[in-house]
Amino acid sequence: MTLGRTKGVDILVSDPNGARMIRLEVKTNYRSTRSTGGNSKVFGKFVSAWMMGTKHEQVRGPNLFYCFVNISEYTKQFRFYILPSAVVSDYVRAQHQLWLDDRSSHSRENTLRIFRIGTRGAKYPIPAPIDEDYEDNWDSLRG
């Protein structure tokens, strides 16, 4: 753990052979509304969502991954979603552009971005990361 000393990284993971170093940024949510998912009129049905910033549209790298943690307020169960930074960056950028294009949902630009995990079988206006593909996706860190 970096204890806040490494900008943009919460956990550094090293291959015991020293061949690869993974940077892991952890995002958590705990609210009951996010724990139970939802349905956005612009984006559709989602399993969970996390607040992001404008920087997440650009931050990417082959050794940077995100661990999105969903903590259920009622059951105290943890769900982990492991995604490559390129998937997160592409989605955050596309969802924000979709939000900008839908003028009925807002009146001005802001720096807030939302990362959502979708569910298989649902229809989305932009390609969405699907829960089954990324939940407990720890093997993706092995490369």
C-alpha atoms as a PDB file:
ATOM      1  CA  MET A   1       0.000   0.000   0.000  1.00  0.00           C
ATOM      2  CA  THR A   2       1.283   3.445  -0.863  1.00  0.00           C
ATOM      3  CA  LEU A   3      -0.408   5.280   2.046  1.00  0.00           C
ATOM      4  CA  GLY A   4      -1.033   8.317  -0.157  1.00  0.00           C
ATOM      5  CA  ARG A   5       2.634   8.781  -1.049  1.00  0.00           C
ATOM      6  CA  THR A   6       2.310   7.715  -4.699  1.00  0.00           C
ATOM      7  CA  LYS A   7       0.093  10.018  -6.741  1.00  0.00           C
ATOM      8  CA  GLY A   8      -2.859   8.249  -8.390  1.00  0.00           C
ATOM      9  CA  VAL A   9      -1.944   4.814  -7.012  1.00  0.00           C
ATOM     10  CA  ASP A  10      -3.278   3.105  -3.909  1.00  0.00           C
ATOM     11  CA  ILE A  11      -1.538  -0.277  -4.155  1.00  0.00           C
ATOM     12  CA  LEU A  12       1.645  -1.330  -5.945  1.00  0.00           C
ATOM     13  CA  VAL A  13       1.721  -5.010  -6.883  1.00  0.00           C
ATOM     14  CA  SER A  14       5.046  -6.606  -7.785  1.00  0.00           C
ATOM     15  CA  ASP A  15       5.756  -9.881  -9.526  1.00  0.00           C
ATOM     16  CA  PRO A  16       8.038 -11.920  -7.212  1.00  0.00           C
ATOM     17  CA  ASN A  17      10.414 -12.380 -10.162  1.00  0.00           C
ATOM     18  CA  GLY A  18      10.555  -8.613 -10.635  1.00  0.00           C
ATOM     19  CA  ALA A  19       9.275  -8.838 -14.187  1.00  0.00           C
ATOM     20  CA  ARG A  20       6.218  -6.625 -13.769  1.00  0.00           C
ATOM     21  CA  MET A  21       4.913  -3.881 -11.482  1.00  0.00           C
ATOM     22  CA  ILE A  22       1.153  -3.231 -11.405  1.00  0.00           C
ATOM     23  CA  ARG A  23      -0.397  -0.010 -10.170  1.00  0.00           C
ATOM     24  CA  LEU A  24      -3.857  -0.416  -8.650  1.00  0.00           C
ATOM     25  CA  GLU A  25      -6.202   2.495  -7.948  1.00  0.00           C
ATOM     26  CA  VAL A  26      -9.047   1.597  -5.582  1.00  0.00           C
ATOM     27  CA  LYS A  27     -12.479   3.258  -5.700  1.00  0.00           C
ATOM     28  CA  THR A  28     -15.176   2.352  -3.175  1.00  0.00           C
ATOM     29  CA  ASN A  29     -18.835   3.063  -2.613  1.00  0.00           C
ATOM     30  CA  TYR A  30     -21.027   2.278   0.347  1.00  0.00           C
ATOM     31  CA  ARG A  31     -24.353   3.996  -0.204  1.00  0.00           C
ATOM     32  CA  SER A  32     -27.464   1.862  -0.331  1.00  0.00           C
ATOM     33  CA  THR A  33     -28.656   3.438  -3.597  1.00  0.00           C
ATOM     34  CA  ARG A  34     -25.440   2.441  -5.331  1.00  0.00           C
ATOM     35  CA  SER A  35     -25.304  -0.898  -3.557  1.00  0.00           C
ATOM     36  CA  THR A  36     -28.618  -1.895  -5.090  1.00  0.00           C
ATOM     37  CA  GLY A  37     -27.842  -0.486  -8.527  1.00  0.00           C
ATOM     38  CA  GLY A  38     -30.199   1.685 -10.455  1.00  0.00           C
ATOM     39  CA  ASN A  39     -31.590   2.777 -13.767  1.00  0.00           C
ATOM     40  CA  SER A  40     -30.473   6.034 -15.360  1.00  0.00           C
ATOM     41  CA  LYS A  41     -32.677   7.529 -18.075  1.00  0.00           C
ATOM     42  CA  VAL A  42     -29.556   8.432 -20.066  1.00  0.00           C
ATOM     43  CA  PHE A  43     -27.332   5.402 -19.403  1.00  0.00           C
ATOM     44  CA  GLY A  44     -29.720   2.565 -18.534  1.00  0.00           C
ATOM     45  CA  LYS A  45     -29.616  -0.134 -15.861  1.00  0.00           C
ATOM     46  CA  PHE A  46     -26.454  -0.400 -13.777  1.00  0.00           C
ATOM     47  CA  VAL A  47     -25.209  -2.668 -11.012  1.00  0.00           C
ATOM     48  CA  SER A  48     -23.163  -0.020  -9.255  1.00  0.00           C
ATOM     49  CA  ALA A  49     -21.571   3.395  -9.854  1.00  0.00           C
ATOM     50  CA  TRP A  50     -18.578   5.374  -8.622  1.00  0.00           C
ATOM     51  CA  MET A  51     -17.746   9.082  -8.760  1.00  0.00           C
ATOM     52  CA  MET A  52     -14.743   9.976 -10.904  1.00  0.00           C
ATOM     53  CA  GLY A  53     -13.079  13.170 -12.094  1.00  0.00           C
ATOM     54  CA  THR A  54     -12.015  14.638 -15.408  1.00  0.00           C
ATOM     55  CA  LYS A  55      -8.505  13.200 -15.011  1.00  0.00           C
ATOM     56  CA  HIS A  56      -9.937   9.686 -15.340  1.00  0.00           C
ATOM     57  CA  GLU A  57     -10.749  10.390 -18.986  1.00  0.00           C
ATOM     58  CA  GLN A  58      -7.011  10.533 -19.724  1.00  0.00           C
ATOM     59  CA  VAL A  59      -5.302   8.346 -17.107  1.00  0.00           C
ATOM     60  CA  ARG A  60      -4.347   5.026 -18.683  1.00  0.00           C
ATOM     61  CA  GLY A  61      -1.440   2.658 -18.958  1.00  0.00           C
ATOM     62  CA  PRO A  62      -0.774  -1.035 -19.557  1.00  0.00           C
ATOM     63  CA  ASN A  63       0.162  -1.585 -15.900  1.00  0.00           C
ATOM     64  CA  LEU A  64      -2.574   0.581 -14.355  1.00  0.00           C
ATOM     65  CA  PHE A  65      -5.752  -1.113 -13.160  1.00  0.00           C
ATOM     66  CA  TYR A  66      -8.774  -0.029 -11.156  1.00  0.00           C
ATOM     67  CA  CYS A  67     -10.351  -2.025  -8.370  1.00  0.00           C
ATOM     68  CA  PHE A  68     -13.933  -0.817  -7.913  1.00  0.00           C
ATOM     69  CA  VAL A  69     -15.303  -1.987  -4.583  1.00  0.00           C
ATOM     70  CA  ASN A  70     -19.004  -2.060  -3.833  1.00  0.00           C
ATOM     71  CA  ILE A  71     -19.886  -2.449  -0.148  1.00  0.00           C
ATOM     72  CA  SER A  72     -23.527  -3.249   0.525  1.00  0.00           C
ATOM     73  CA  GLU A  73     -24.835  -1.106   3.344  1.00  0.00           C
ATOM     74  CA  TYR A  74     -27.346  -3.749   4.372  1.00  0.00           C
ATOM     75  CA  THR A  75     -25.437  -7.028   4.011  1.00  0.00           C
ATOM     76  CA  LYS A  76     -21.884  -5.667   4.464  1.00  0.00           C
ATOM     77  CA  GLN A  77     -20.901  -7.841   1.486  1.00  0.00           C
ATOM     78  CA  PHE A  78     -18.009  -6.712  -0.717  1.00  0.00           C
ATOM     79  CA  ARG A  79     -18.009  -6.976  -4.524  1.00  0.00           C
ATOM     80  CA  PHE A  80     -14.789  -6.322  -6.439  1.00  0.00           C
ATOM     81  CA  TYR A  81     -14.499  -5.310 -10.093  1.00  0.00           C
ATOM     82  CA  ILE A  82     -11.004  -5.261 -11.621  1.00  0.00           C
ATOM     83  CA  LEU A  83     -10.639  -3.311 -14.880  1.00  0.00           C
ATOM     84  CA  PRO A  84      -7.752  -2.130 -17.050  1.00  0.00           C
ATOM     85  CA  SER A  85      -7.334   1.644 -17.070  1.00  0.00           C
ATOM     86  CA  ALA A  86      -8.001   1.846 -20.822  1.00  0.00           C
ATOM     87  CA  VAL A  87     -11.504   0.404 -20.344  1.00  0.00           C
ATOM     88  CA  VAL A  88     -12.212   2.883 -17.536  1.00  0.00           C
ATOM     89  CA  SER A  89     -10.810   5.858 -19.453  1.00  0.00           C
ATOM     90  CA  ASP A  90     -12.744   5.048 -22.620  1.00  0.00           C
ATOM     91  CA  TYR A  91     -16.012   4.535 -20.731  1.00  0.00           C
ATOM     92  CA  VAL A  92     -15.681   7.665 -18.571  1.00  0.00           C
ATOM     93  CA  ARG A  93     -14.977   9.787 -21.664  1.00  0.00           C
ATOM     94  CA  ALA A  94     -17.857   8.273 -23.674  1.00  0.00           C
ATOM     95  CA  GLN A  95     -20.403   8.477 -20.862  1.00  0.00           C
ATOM     96  CA  HIS A  96     -19.539  12.107 -20.217  1.00  0.00           C
ATOM     97  CA  GLN A  97     -19.934  12.951 -23.907  1.00  0.00           C
ATOM     98  CA  LEU A  98     -23.295  11.176 -23.910  1.00  0.00           C
ATOM     99  CA  TRP A  99     -24.320  13.220 -20.867  1.00  0.00           C
ATOM    100  CA  LEU A 100     -23.194  16.442 -22.599  1.00  0.00           C
ATOM    101  CA  ASP A 101     -25.188  15.533 -25.715  1.00  0.00           C
ATOM    102  CA  ASP A 102     -28.354  15.020 -23.645  1.00  0.00           C
ATOM    103  CA  ARG A 103     -29.098  18.656 -22.830  1.00  0.00           C
ATOM    104  CA  SER A 104     -32.323  17.712 -21.010  1.00  0.00           C
ATOM    105  CA  SER A 105     -30.310  16.169 -18.152  1.00  0.00           C
ATOM    106  CA  HIS A 106     -28.224  19.218 -17.230  1.00  0.00           C
ATOM    107  CA  SER A 107     -27.742  22.927 -17.690  1.00  0.00           C
ATOM    108  CA  ARG A 108     -23.950  23.318 -17.664  1.00  0.00           C
ATOM    109  CA  GLU A 109     -20.592  21.498 -17.790  1.00  0.00           C
ATOM    110  CA  ASN A 110     -19.074  20.052 -14.615  1.00  0.00           C
ATOM    111  CA  THR A 111     -16.006  18.081 -13.566  1.00  0.00           C
ATOM    112  CA  LEU A 112     -17.970  15.136 -12.185  1.00  0.00           C
ATOM    113  CA  ARG A 113     -17.744  11.853 -14.048  1.00  0.00           C
ATOM    114  CA  ILE A 114     -19.516   8.620 -13.182  1.00  0.00           C
ATOM    115  CA  PHE A 115     -18.219   5.130 -13.828  1.00  0.00           C
ATOM    116  CA  ARG A 116     -20.951   2.503 -13.988  1.00  0.00           C
ATOM    117  CA  ILE A 117     -20.916  -1.289 -14.160  1.00  0.00           C
ATOM    118  CA  GLY A 118     -23.679  -2.636 -16.381  1.00  0.00           C
ATOM    119  CA  THR A 119     -25.347  -6.007 -16.573  1.00  0.00           C
ATOM    120  CA  ARG A 120     -25.421  -8.538 -19.388  1.00  0.00           C
ATOM    121  CA  GLY A 121     -28.556  -8.427 -21.505  1.00  0.00           C
ATOM    122  CA  ALA A 122     -29.313  -4.755 -20.849  1.00  0.00           C
ATOM    123  CA  LYS A 123     -29.165  -2.272 -23.727  1.00  0.00           C
ATOM    124  CA  TYR A 124     -26.777   0.664 -23.416  1.00  0.00           C
ATOM    125  CA  PRO A 125     -26.292   3.757 -25.603  1.00  0.00           C
ATOM    126  CA  ILE A 126     -22.505   3.289 -25.292  1.00  0.00           C
ATOM    127  CA  PRO A 127     -20.516   0.097 -24.638  1.00  0.00           C
ATOM    128  CA  ALA A 128     -20.622  -0.500 -20.884  1.00  0.00           C
ATOM    129  CA  PRO A 129     -18.349  -2.659 -18.734  1.00  0.00           C
ATOM    130  CA  ILE A 130     -20.408  -5.708 -17.693  1.00  0.00           C
ATOM    131  CA  ASP A 131     -20.422  -7.094 -14.164  1.00  0.00           C
ATOM    132  CA  GLU A 132     -19.822 -10.735 -15.210  1.00  0.00           C
ATOM    133  CA  ASP A 133     -16.742  -9.758 -17.214  1.00  0.00           C
ATOM    134  CA  TYR A 134     -14.979  -7.853 -14.441  1.00  0.00           C
ATOM    135  CA  GLU A 135     -16.262  -9.054 -11.062  1.00  0.00           C
ATOM    136  CA  ASP A 136     -13.448 -10.814  -9.178  1.00  0.00           C
ATOM    137  CA  ASN A 137     -11.279 -10.412 -12.291  1.00  0.00           C
ATOM    138  CA  TRP A 138      -8.055 -10.832 -10.291  1.00  0.00           C
ATOM    139  CA  ASP A 139      -6.412 -12.937 -13.007  1.00  0.00           C
ATOM    140  CA  SER A 140      -6.243  -9.862 -15.266  1.00  0.00           C
ATOM    141  CA  LEU A 141      -3.476  -8.533 -13.014  1.00  0.00           C
ATOM    142  CA  ARG A 142      -1.223 -11.451 -13.961  1.00  0.00           C
ATOM    143  CA  GLY A 143      -0.822 -10.224 -17.527  1.00  0.00           C
END
